[in-house]
Amino acid sequence: MALPRKLKNLMLFNDANIYRGVVKSVTLPPLGRKMEAYRGGGMNGPVKADLGFSDDGIQFEWKTGGLDLISLKQFAMVNASGVALRFTGAFEQDDTGEVSAVEIVLRGRHESIEMGEAKPGEDTEHTIKTTCTYYKLTVDNEEIIEIDLLNFIEKVGGVDMLEKQRNALGI
């Protein structure tokens, strides 16, 4: 039995600015589907129909230490994809020593920036919630999931999930 891959370290980049020593933590976006129960005649129970991506969208929350002027200057970004973020993580398996490189590329804009509690002589942090229009997960250079909400693209494990719908719509 193998041990799981565990996150050993992480990095965050904001519009090509490296947050080395600044990023404290990230909450990776949950991926969700909007499902609706359907039960028709001759069915003994409901089956949930997949209606696309969840109404919650793609939310990325992250924390920085100290005063983060970069994200503050990005607040009220007009472009829905105006902020480019990139998370990288090193996940190591303790039984083999194998390290997997995980990368998540996100584009969006900041929904909220919490400045946190300020006390003299105490640590301060910002909590930023970024609502994203684009998400791409890559593990060891293999593209696992790509979601581009504005361009009607959803790829999972190399399969274009919306290709037939785009063709039916003529786009």
Protein backbone atom coordinates (compact mmCIF):
# COMPACT_ATOMS: atom_id res chain seq x y z
CA MET A 1 0.00 0.00 0.00
CA ALA A 2 1.40 3.38 -0.98
CA LEU A 3 1.34 6.55 1.05
CA PRO A 4 -0.61 9.53 -0.36
CA ARG A 5 1.00 12.51 -2.02
CA LYS A 6 1.07 15.34 0.52
CA LEU A 7 1.59 19.03 -0.13
CA LYS A 8 5.09 19.88 1.10
CA ASN A 9 5.33 23.45 -0.20
CA LEU A 10 3.51 25.95 -2.37
CA MET A 11 3.96 29.18 -4.26
CA LEU A 12 1.61 31.80 -5.65
CA PHE A 13 2.19 34.17 -8.53
CA ASN A 14 0.00 37.23 -9.13
CA ASP A 15 0.39 38.76 -12.60
CA ALA A 16 3.96 37.34 -12.72
CA ASN A 17 4.80 38.73 -9.26
CA ILE A 18 6.18 35.96 -7.07
CA TYR A 19 4.70 35.81 -3.56
CA ARG A 20 7.72 34.04 -2.03
CA GLY A 21 7.55 34.61 1.72
CA VAL A 22 4.28 36.53 1.33
CA VAL A 23 1.63 33.90 0.56
CA LYS A 24 0.47 32.21 3.76
CA SER A 25 -2.18 29.81 2.50
CA VAL A 26 -4.58 29.12 -0.35
CA THR A 27 -7.97 27.45 -0.54
CA LEU A 28 -8.08 25.76 -3.92
CA PRO A 29 -11.35 26.20 -5.82
CA PRO A 30 -13.97 23.51 -5.30
CA LEU A 31 -15.25 22.15 -8.61
CA GLY A 32 -19.02 21.70 -8.68
CA ARG A 33 -21.79 20.82 -11.10
CA LYS A 34 -25.33 22.19 -11.19
CA MET A 35 -27.58 19.15 -10.98
CA GLU A 36 -31.36 18.98 -11.21
CA ALA A 37 -33.42 15.96 -10.26
CA TYR A 38 -35.65 14.56 -13.02
CA ARG A 39 -38.16 11.77 -12.63
CA GLY A 40 -40.39 10.84 -15.54
CA GLY A 41 -42.96 8.14 -16.13
CA GLY A 42 -41.64 4.61 -15.85
CA MET A 43 -38.72 5.69 -13.66
CA ASN A 44 -38.48 4.29 -10.14
CA GLY A 45 -36.55 7.28 -8.87
CA PRO A 46 -34.98 10.56 -9.89
CA VAL A 47 -31.86 10.91 -11.99
CA LYS A 48 -29.93 14.13 -11.68
CA ALA A 49 -29.45 15.93 -14.98
CA ASP A 50 -26.14 17.78 -15.40
CA LEU A 51 -26.84 21.43 -16.24
CA GLY A 52 -23.24 22.57 -16.41
CA PHE A 53 -20.96 24.25 -13.94
CA SER A 54 -22.21 25.15 -10.46
CA ASP A 55 -23.85 28.52 -9.79
CA ASP A 56 -21.11 29.11 -7.21
CA GLY A 57 -18.62 29.48 -10.05
CA ILE A 58 -14.89 29.19 -9.44
CA GLN A 59 -13.80 30.78 -6.15
CA PHE A 60 -10.14 31.00 -5.08
CA GLU A 61 -9.34 32.26 -1.59
CA TRP A 62 -5.81 33.08 -0.49
CA LYS A 63 -4.00 34.79 2.35
CA THR A 64 -0.96 37.00 2.37
CA GLY A 65 1.13 38.28 5.23
CA GLY A 66 1.49 42.00 5.75
CA LEU A 67 0.35 44.70 3.34
CA ASP A 68 -0.30 43.42 -0.21
CA LEU A 69 -0.36 46.46 -2.48
CA ILE A 70 -0.46 44.36 -5.66
CA SER A 71 -3.90 42.87 -4.95
CA LEU A 72 -5.20 46.15 -3.51
CA LYS A 73 -4.33 47.94 -6.76
CA GLN A 74 -6.22 45.20 -8.65
CA PHE A 75 -9.44 45.73 -6.69
CA ALA A 76 -12.43 46.83 -8.82
CA MET A 77 -10.81 45.39 -11.96
CA VAL A 78 -13.23 45.98 -14.83
CA ASN A 79 -12.13 42.97 -16.92
CA ALA A 80 -13.72 39.73 -15.60
CA SER A 81 -10.45 37.91 -16.43
CA GLY A 82 -8.14 40.80 -15.56
CA VAL A 83 -6.11 39.19 -12.76
CA ALA A 84 -3.83 36.25 -13.61
CA LEU A 85 -2.96 33.95 -10.70
CA ARG A 86 -0.85 30.80 -10.69
CA PHE A 87 -0.60 28.33 -7.83
CA THR A 88 2.21 25.79 -7.79
CA GLY A 89 2.56 22.98 -5.29
CA ALA A 90 5.07 20.23 -4.58
CA PHE A 91 3.25 17.05 -3.48
CA GLU A 92 5.59 14.39 -2.14
CA GLN A 93 4.98 10.71 -1.49
CA ASP A 94 6.84 9.75 1.71
CA ASP A 95 7.25 6.08 0.85
CA THR A 96 8.89 6.67 -2.55
CA GLY A 97 10.17 10.26 -2.33
CA GLU A 98 8.44 10.98 -5.66
CA VAL A 99 7.41 14.63 -6.03
CA SER A 100 4.49 15.67 -8.22
CA ALA A 101 4.38 19.19 -9.61
CA VAL A 102 0.86 20.63 -9.42
CA GLU A 103 -0.05 23.88 -11.16
CA ILE A 104 -3.37 25.71 -11.20
CA VAL A 105 -3.70 28.71 -13.50
CA LEU A 106 -6.59 31.07 -12.75
CA ARG A 107 -7.95 34.27 -14.29
CA GLY A 108 -10.58 36.47 -12.71
CA ARG A 109 -10.99 39.46 -10.42
CA HIS A 110 -11.05 40.02 -6.70
CA GLU A 111 -14.49 39.84 -5.13
CA SER A 112 -13.32 40.82 -1.66
CA ILE A 113 -10.17 41.79 0.19
CA GLU A 114 -10.33 41.48 3.95
CA MET A 115 -7.66 43.61 5.57
CA GLY A 116 -7.79 41.63 8.83
CA GLU A 117 -7.24 42.77 12.38
CA ALA A 118 -4.47 45.27 12.96
CA LYS A 119 -2.62 45.30 16.29
CA PRO A 120 0.75 46.85 16.97
CA GLY A 121 3.47 44.23 17.27
CA GLU A 122 1.22 41.43 15.92
CA ASP A 123 1.04 39.59 12.61
CA THR A 124 -1.29 41.00 9.96
CA GLU A 125 -2.74 39.31 6.92
CA HIS A 126 -5.04 39.94 4.00
CA THR A 127 -7.63 37.41 2.85
CA ILE A 128 -8.42 37.76 -0.85
CA LYS A 129 -11.35 36.05 -2.54
CA THR A 130 -10.95 35.90 -6.32
CA THR A 131 -13.89 34.96 -8.55
CA CYS A 132 -12.47 33.25 -11.62
CA THR A 133 -13.54 32.83 -15.22
CA TYR A 134 -10.70 30.45 -16.07
CA TYR A 135 -9.19 27.41 -14.31
CA LYS A 136 -6.57 24.95 -15.51
CA LEU A 137 -5.15 22.11 -13.41
CA THR A 138 -1.93 20.47 -14.57
CA VAL A 139 -0.16 17.64 -12.72
CA ASP A 140 3.34 16.60 -13.79
CA ASN A 141 2.86 18.40 -17.13
CA GLU A 142 -0.40 16.53 -17.83
CA GLU A 143 -3.46 18.74 -18.30
CA ILE A 144 -6.16 17.31 -16.03
CA ILE A 145 -8.95 19.93 -16.15
CA GLU A 146 -9.44 23.15 -18.09
CA ILE A 147 -12.51 25.34 -17.62
CA ASP A 148 -12.95 28.59 -19.54
CA LEU A 149 -16.39 29.91 -18.62
CA LEU A 150 -16.35 32.87 -21.03
CA ASN A 151 -15.29 30.80 -24.05
CA PHE A 152 -17.52 27.75 -23.40
CA ILE A 153 -14.61 25.36 -22.90
CA GLU A 154 -14.51 22.45 -20.47
CA LYS A 155 -11.88 19.74 -20.85
CA VAL A 156 -11.50 16.86 -18.39
CA GLY A 157 -8.75 14.28 -18.80
CA GLY A 158 -8.12 15.43 -22.36
CA VAL A 159 -11.80 15.09 -23.38
CA ASP A 160 -13.55 18.21 -24.69
CA MET A 161 -16.85 17.98 -22.80
CA LEU A 162 -18.54 20.83 -24.72
CA GLU A 163 -17.34 20.15 -28.28
CA LYS A 164 -20.68 18.69 -29.44
CA GLN A 165 -22.63 21.55 -27.89
CA ARG A 166 -20.35 24.17 -29.50
CA ASN A 167 -20.83 22.41 -32.87
CA ALA A 168 -24.62 22.34 -32.39
CA LEU A 169 -24.57 26.07 -31.62
CA GLY A 170 -22.30 26.89 -34.55
CA ILE A 171 -19.54 28.36 -32.37
